[in-house]
Amino acid sequence: MAASLASLSSFAKARTAWSPFNRHGSHRLPPPQLVPLASSMEKYIRKSFLRRRRRCLKNISALETSDGAVDVEVDDDDDDEEEACELVNGTEVSVDGVEGYLLTAVKNNNGTGLLLLSNVFGFQDSATRDFAYRVACNGYNVLVPDLFRGDPWSKNRPKSEYEEWRRKQDPERIRQDTTSFTKWMVEEFAAAGISKKLGVMGFCFGGGRVVDVLATDENDYFSTGVSFYGTRIDSAVAGDVKVPVLFISGDRDPLCEVKGLYEIKEKIGERSKVVVYEGRGHGFVHRPETAEDDRDAEEAFALMRNWLHHHLI
């Protein structure tokens, strides 16, 4: 970003590798290692996103939420969005020895950063990168850390081993890693002289950690959060969250109890919202499996986009 935002248009024309962050020696954190994502990965993400978008049902309507109807707008101009997605820069990063990747909007960069926390399948999961890519298409700089330090859960592992694997994911270590990535973004934004507003979002495992991150945000780095069907949310710390949070889930999700979301929402405050989709199960937004999932995923994404725009832009 400090390379600088003014150079975005020239990058779009040149189509050359662009390092979005500066390397001033005054940074407290060590300069990150930036490596372009493989072109095959970028092409896969772009095609996957556009294919799913085109098959989604339209005629998006308002939802009934925790505080009444919420207007949802969907831009049907696929050509404009496809052009924007052609101009997303992807780089792999390393902060304090922890890997991650950054997707940066080039054509329409709004100078705002988002920390995206993945599910148990980790930051390299194709569905996670697909989702992050689409968020970046809407103008954001999306940073996705490796929450599991190279040891994500795999579908190939026996389910009987899951709880043992989960216990190895130390909450304090994850908190420290997310804090390091957050400080890195804050410092780079400050060095670039642009907006310091940040948001945090996540789904499944990461959706649960959104509340943890916001509850321990002593420096008030984040202005809002979005939690998609968060698992094992610690309701005890919800009262420490000082910014509005959007909670999105399905009423058939056994891993994210709707009643619990409303209780957490009440602890955070009236500016937060809970949106529940009828008939939807776990993971329907970033990993839709049916046409019905696709429709509601499209609507949920539009709702998230409007929420972020309201609180960050």
Protein backbone atom coordinates (compact mmCIF):
# COMPACT_ATOMS: atom_id res chain seq x y z
CA MET A 1 0.00 0.00 0.00
CA ALA A 2 2.78 2.43 0.81
CA ALA A 3 4.20 1.77 -2.60
CA SER A 4 1.83 3.99 -2.84
CA LEU A 5 -1.91 4.02 -3.48
CA ALA A 6 -1.27 6.62 -6.12
CA SER A 7 0.64 4.00 -8.05
CA LEU A 8 -2.34 1.69 -8.39
CA SER A 9 -3.43 3.05 -11.74
CA SER A 10 0.07 2.76 -13.17
CA PHE A 11 0.28 -0.81 -11.89
CA ALA A 12 -2.99 -1.63 -13.59
CA LYS A 13 -1.54 -0.43 -16.86
CA ALA A 14 1.86 -2.01 -16.47
CA ARG A 15 0.55 -5.32 -15.06
CA THR A 16 3.87 -5.84 -13.32
CA ALA A 17 4.62 -7.20 -9.85
CA TRP A 18 3.72 -4.57 -7.26
CA SER A 19 4.74 -4.64 -3.60
CA PRO A 20 1.83 -3.05 -1.71
CA PHE A 21 3.71 -2.34 1.51
CA ASN A 22 6.76 -0.19 2.21
CA ARG A 23 9.93 -1.32 3.91
CA HIS A 24 10.82 1.69 6.04
CA GLY A 25 13.38 0.84 8.71
CA SER A 26 11.23 2.47 11.38
CA HIS A 27 8.80 -0.47 11.49
CA ARG A 28 8.75 -2.27 14.81
CA LEU A 29 7.81 -5.46 13.02
CA PRO A 30 10.28 -7.01 10.59
CA PRO A 31 9.55 -6.33 6.92
CA PRO A 32 7.33 -9.07 5.48
CA GLN A 33 8.42 -11.41 2.78
CA LEU A 34 6.27 -10.83 -0.28
CA VAL A 35 5.99 -13.49 -2.96
CA PRO A 36 3.48 -13.34 -5.84
CA LEU A 37 0.83 -16.04 -5.74
CA ALA A 38 1.15 -18.61 -8.48
CA SER A 39 -0.72 -17.45 -11.56
CA SER A 40 -2.55 -20.77 -11.72
CA MET A 41 -3.93 -20.18 -8.22
CA GLU A 42 -5.10 -16.67 -9.09
CA LYS A 43 -6.79 -17.93 -12.27
CA TYR A 44 -8.49 -20.73 -10.33
CA ILE A 45 -9.82 -18.34 -7.68
CA ARG A 46 -11.06 -15.88 -10.30
CA LYS A 47 -12.83 -18.52 -12.40
CA SER A 48 -14.30 -20.23 -9.35
CA PHE A 49 -15.72 -16.99 -8.01
CA LEU A 50 -17.18 -15.84 -11.33
CA ARG A 51 -18.67 -19.27 -12.07
CA ARG A 52 -20.46 -19.39 -8.73
CA ARG A 53 -21.67 -15.82 -9.03
CA ARG A 54 -23.22 -16.38 -12.45
CA ARG A 55 -25.21 -19.39 -11.32
CA CYS A 56 -26.55 -17.63 -8.22
CA LEU A 57 -30.24 -16.75 -8.20
CA LYS A 58 -31.13 -13.09 -8.37
CA ASN A 59 -34.12 -11.04 -7.12
CA ILE A 60 -32.41 -10.52 -3.77
CA SER A 61 -34.83 -9.34 -1.07
CA ALA A 62 -34.61 -7.94 2.44
CA LEU A 63 -34.11 -10.22 5.41
CA GLU A 64 -35.64 -10.37 8.84
CA THR A 65 -32.87 -9.88 11.37
CA SER A 66 -32.41 -9.22 15.06
CA ASP A 67 -33.49 -5.61 14.62
CA GLY A 68 -35.88 -5.80 11.71
CA ALA A 69 -35.54 -5.71 7.93
CA VAL A 70 -32.14 -5.02 6.42
CA ASP A 71 -31.86 -3.69 2.91
CA VAL A 72 -29.67 -5.77 0.64
CA GLU A 73 -28.39 -4.50 -2.68
CA VAL A 74 -26.82 -6.71 -5.34
CA ASP A 75 -24.97 -5.37 -8.35
CA ASP A 76 -25.90 -7.51 -11.35
CA ASP A 77 -23.24 -6.02 -13.61
CA ASP A 78 -20.95 -9.04 -13.91
CA ASP A 79 -18.73 -7.28 -16.47
CA ASP A 80 -17.74 -4.52 -14.02
CA GLU A 81 -17.05 -6.98 -11.22
CA GLU A 82 -15.07 -9.28 -13.51
CA GLU A 83 -12.95 -6.34 -14.65
CA ALA A 84 -12.30 -5.36 -11.00
CA CYS A 85 -11.30 -8.92 -10.18
CA GLU A 86 -8.79 -8.90 -13.01
CA LEU A 87 -7.00 -6.24 -10.97
CA VAL A 88 -6.44 -7.97 -7.64
CA ASN A 89 -2.84 -8.39 -6.58
CA GLY A 90 -2.00 -11.49 -4.54
CA THR A 91 1.15 -11.98 -2.46
CA GLU A 92 2.26 -14.46 0.15
CA VAL A 93 3.55 -12.86 3.36
CA SER A 94 5.43 -13.82 6.49
CA VAL A 95 5.04 -11.82 9.70
CA ASP A 96 7.14 -12.84 12.70
CA GLY A 97 7.68 -16.18 11.01
CA VAL A 98 3.97 -16.88 10.52
CA GLU A 99 2.77 -17.35 6.96
CA GLY A 100 -0.25 -15.72 5.38
CA TYR A 101 -1.38 -14.13 2.15
CA LEU A 102 -2.54 -10.71 1.12
CA LEU A 103 -5.02 -9.90 -1.62
CA THR A 104 -5.01 -6.23 -2.61
CA ALA A 105 -7.52 -4.42 -4.77
CA VAL A 106 -5.79 -2.44 -7.48
CA LYS A 107 -8.46 -0.83 -9.63
CA ASN A 108 -10.77 0.29 -6.83
CA ASN A 109 -8.67 0.18 -3.64
CA ASN A 110 -10.51 1.95 -0.81
CA GLY A 111 -7.52 2.06 1.56
CA THR A 112 -9.20 -0.18 4.12
CA GLY A 113 -7.86 -3.43 5.54
CA LEU A 114 -9.60 -6.62 6.57
CA LEU A 115 -8.18 -9.44 8.66
CA LEU A 116 -9.84 -12.67 7.52
CA LEU A 117 -9.72 -15.66 9.88
CA SER A 118 -10.15 -19.04 8.21
CA ASN A 119 -11.96 -22.19 9.16
CA VAL A 120 -10.11 -25.27 10.42
CA PHE A 121 -8.95 -26.14 6.89
CA GLY A 122 -6.55 -23.22 7.00
CA PHE A 123 -5.51 -20.20 5.00
CA GLN A 124 -4.56 -22.19 1.88
CA ASP A 125 -7.96 -23.84 1.50
CA SER A 126 -9.42 -23.04 -1.93
CA ALA A 127 -12.79 -21.95 -0.52
CA THR A 128 -11.05 -19.50 1.81
CA ARG A 129 -8.97 -17.99 -1.00
CA ASP A 130 -12.03 -17.82 -3.22
CA PHE A 131 -13.89 -15.84 -0.56
CA ALA A 132 -10.94 -13.56 0.22
CA TYR A 133 -10.48 -12.87 -3.48
CA ARG A 134 -14.08 -11.82 -3.86
CA VAL A 135 -13.87 -9.47 -0.87
CA ALA A 136 -10.75 -7.88 -2.40
CA CYS A 137 -12.68 -7.39 -5.64
CA ASN A 138 -14.85 -4.97 -3.70
CA GLY A 139 -11.91 -2.68 -2.98
CA TYR A 140 -10.40 -4.11 0.20
CA ASN A 141 -6.93 -5.23 1.25
CA VAL A 142 -7.53 -8.70 2.71
CA LEU A 143 -4.90 -10.31 4.93
CA VAL A 144 -5.34 -14.01 5.77
CA PRO A 145 -2.96 -15.43 8.41
CA ASP A 146 -2.08 -19.07 8.92
CA LEU A 147 -3.87 -19.62 12.23
CA PHE A 148 -2.53 -23.15 12.55
CA ARG A 149 1.13 -22.60 11.62
CA GLY A 150 1.22 -25.22 8.89
CA ASP A 151 -0.98 -27.76 10.67
CA PRO A 152 -4.59 -27.20 9.52
CA TRP A 153 -7.24 -29.86 9.87
CA SER A 154 -7.62 -32.13 6.84
CA LYS A 155 -10.64 -34.02 5.59
CA ASN A 156 -8.34 -37.00 5.17
CA ARG A 157 -7.77 -37.27 8.91
CA PRO A 158 -9.95 -39.58 11.01
CA LYS A 159 -12.73 -37.65 12.73
CA SER A 160 -11.77 -39.36 15.97
CA GLU A 161 -8.58 -37.28 16.00
CA TYR A 162 -10.30 -33.91 15.67
CA GLU A 163 -10.62 -33.00 19.34
CA GLU A 164 -6.99 -33.89 19.98
CA TRP A 165 -5.94 -31.71 17.04
CA ARG A 166 -8.17 -28.90 18.28
CA ARG A 167 -6.62 -28.97 21.74
CA LYS A 168 -3.21 -28.38 20.17
CA GLN A 169 -4.41 -25.06 18.72
CA ASP A 170 -3.45 -22.90 21.67
CA PRO A 171 -5.87 -19.91 21.94
CA GLU A 172 -3.15 -17.67 23.38
CA ARG A 173 -0.76 -18.46 20.53
CA ILE A 174 -3.49 -17.75 17.96
CA ARG A 175 -4.27 -14.49 19.75
CA GLN A 176 -0.63 -13.45 19.61
CA ASP A 177 -0.38 -14.28 15.90
CA THR A 178 -3.50 -12.33 14.99
CA THR A 179 -2.21 -9.41 17.05
CA SER A 180 1.08 -9.45 15.13
CA PHE A 181 -0.72 -9.42 11.78
CA THR A 182 -3.01 -6.64 13.00
CA LYS A 183 -0.11 -4.44 14.14
CA TRP A 184 1.63 -5.04 10.84
CA MET A 185 -1.38 -3.76 8.92
CA VAL A 186 -1.78 -0.77 11.23
CA GLU A 187 1.85 0.27 10.86
CA GLU A 188 1.81 -0.10 7.08
CA PHE A 189 -1.39 1.91 6.79
CA ALA A 190 0.07 4.66 8.96
CA ALA A 191 3.27 4.71 6.90
CA ALA A 192 1.19 5.00 3.74
CA GLY A 193 -0.76 7.93 5.15
CA ILE A 194 -4.12 6.37 4.40
CA SER A 195 -7.16 5.23 6.39
CA LYS A 196 -6.38 3.32 9.57
CA LYS A 197 -9.81 1.71 9.67
CA LEU A 198 -9.70 -2.04 9.92
CA GLY A 199 -12.29 -4.78 10.07
CA VAL A 200 -12.04 -8.42 11.09
CA MET A 201 -14.11 -11.27 9.71
CA GLY A 202 -14.08 -15.03 9.82
CA PHE A 203 -16.09 -18.15 9.29
CA CYS A 204 -16.48 -21.36 11.30
CA PHE A 205 -13.40 -21.56 13.55
CA GLY A 206 -12.36 -18.08 12.45
CA GLY A 207 -15.87 -16.75 12.98
CA GLY A 208 -15.62 -17.74 16.61
CA ARG A 209 -12.26 -16.04 16.94
CA VAL A 210 -13.67 -12.75 15.66
CA VAL A 211 -15.21 -12.15 19.07
CA ASP A 212 -11.92 -13.05 20.79
CA VAL A 213 -9.97 -10.59 18.63
CA LEU A 214 -12.42 -7.74 19.19
CA ALA A 215 -12.70 -8.40 22.92
CA THR A 216 -8.93 -8.03 23.34
CA ASP A 217 -8.54 -5.08 20.98
CA GLU A 218 -7.12 -2.73 23.62
CA ASN A 219 -5.81 -0.25 21.04
CA ASP A 220 -9.15 0.04 19.24
CA TYR A 221 -7.68 -1.00 15.91
CA PHE A 222 -10.91 -2.50 14.59
CA SER A 223 -14.07 -0.62 13.71
CA THR A 224 -16.31 -3.63 13.10
CA GLY A 225 -16.45 -7.39 12.71
CA VAL A 226 -18.36 -9.99 10.71
CA SER A 227 -18.78 -13.54 11.99
CA PHE A 228 -20.09 -16.24 9.68
CA TYR A 229 -21.45 -19.21 11.65
CA GLY A 230 -18.74 -18.91 14.29
CA THR A 231 -17.99 -22.02 16.34
CA ARG A 232 -17.26 -22.18 20.06
CA ILE A 233 -17.69 -18.45 20.60
CA ASP A 234 -16.68 -17.42 24.10
CA SER A 235 -19.77 -15.58 25.32
CA ALA A 236 -17.97 -14.65 28.54
CA VAL A 237 -15.84 -12.06 26.70
CA ALA A 238 -18.59 -10.73 24.43
CA GLY A 239 -19.27 -7.86 26.82
CA ASP A 240 -15.73 -6.58 26.18
CA VAL A 241 -16.42 -6.02 22.47
CA LYS A 242 -16.78 -2.28 21.80
CA VAL A 243 -17.67 -2.26 18.09
CA PRO A 244 -20.71 -3.54 16.18
CA VAL A 245 -20.60 -7.10 14.89
CA LEU A 246 -22.66 -8.73 12.16
CA PHE A 247 -23.45 -12.39 12.86
CA ILE A 248 -24.63 -14.55 9.94
CA SER A 249 -25.70 -18.17 10.29
CA GLY A 250 -28.27 -20.77 9.23
CA ASP A 251 -31.01 -22.21 11.39
CA ARG A 252 -29.90 -25.77 10.59
CA ASP A 253 -26.31 -25.33 11.67
CA PRO A 254 -25.49 -27.77 14.49
CA LEU A 255 -22.15 -26.04 15.12
CA CYS A 256 -23.48 -22.52 15.64
CA GLU A 257 -26.52 -22.28 17.89
CA VAL A 258 -28.79 -19.41 16.91
CA LYS A 259 -29.95 -18.83 20.48
CA GLY A 260 -26.35 -18.36 21.53
CA LEU A 261 -25.79 -15.75 18.81
CA TYR A 262 -28.68 -13.65 20.08
CA GLU A 263 -27.33 -13.85 23.63
CA ILE A 264 -23.89 -12.72 22.44
CA LYS A 265 -25.42 -9.96 20.39
CA GLU A 266 -27.22 -8.63 23.45
CA LYS A 267 -23.97 -8.56 25.41
CA ILE A 268 -22.17 -6.62 22.70
CA GLY A 269 -24.91 -4.04 22.22
CA GLU A 270 -27.79 -2.91 20.08
CA ARG A 271 -25.64 -1.80 17.12
CA SER A 272 -24.81 -5.44 16.36
CA LYS A 273 -27.04 -7.68 14.25
CA VAL A 274 -27.88 -11.33 13.89
CA VAL A 275 -29.05 -12.60 10.50
CA VAL A 276 -30.35 -16.16 10.31
CA TYR A 277 -31.08 -17.95 7.03
CA GLU A 278 -33.87 -20.47 7.07
CA GLY A 279 -32.90 -23.96 5.93
CA ARG A 280 -29.19 -23.25 5.70
CA GLY A 281 -26.52 -25.38 7.35
CA HIS A 282 -22.89 -24.84 8.26
CA GLY A 283 -20.59 -23.18 5.74
CA PHE A 284 -23.23 -22.16 3.21
CA VAL A 285 -21.73 -18.72 2.46
CA HIS A 286 -18.16 -19.64 1.56
CA ARG A 287 -18.79 -23.27 0.63
CA PRO A 288 -22.29 -23.49 -0.93
CA GLU A 289 -23.46 -26.93 -2.06
CA THR A 290 -26.92 -26.31 -3.56
CA ALA A 291 -28.71 -23.70 -5.66
CA GLU A 292 -30.51 -22.58 -2.50
CA ASP A 293 -27.17 -22.21 -0.73
CA ASP A 294 -25.92 -20.16 -3.69
CA ARG A 295 -28.83 -17.74 -3.51
CA ASP A 296 -28.52 -17.16 0.21
CA ALA A 297 -24.72 -16.98 -0.03
CA GLU A 298 -25.09 -14.20 -2.60
CA GLU A 299 -27.50 -12.36 -0.35
CA ALA A 300 -25.31 -12.80 2.72
CA PHE A 301 -22.29 -11.51 0.82
CA ALA A 302 -24.23 -8.42 -0.27
CA LEU A 303 -25.32 -7.84 3.31
CA MET A 304 -21.73 -8.18 4.52
CA ARG A 305 -20.51 -5.82 1.80
CA ASN A 306 -23.04 -3.15 2.78
CA TRP A 307 -22.18 -3.61 6.46
CA LEU A 308 -18.45 -3.14 5.83
CA HIS A 309 -19.06 -0.11 3.62
CA HIS A 310 -21.20 1.51 6.33
CA HIS A 311 -18.70 0.96 9.14
CA LEU A 312 -15.38 1.27 7.34
CA ILE A 313 -15.71 3.54 4.30
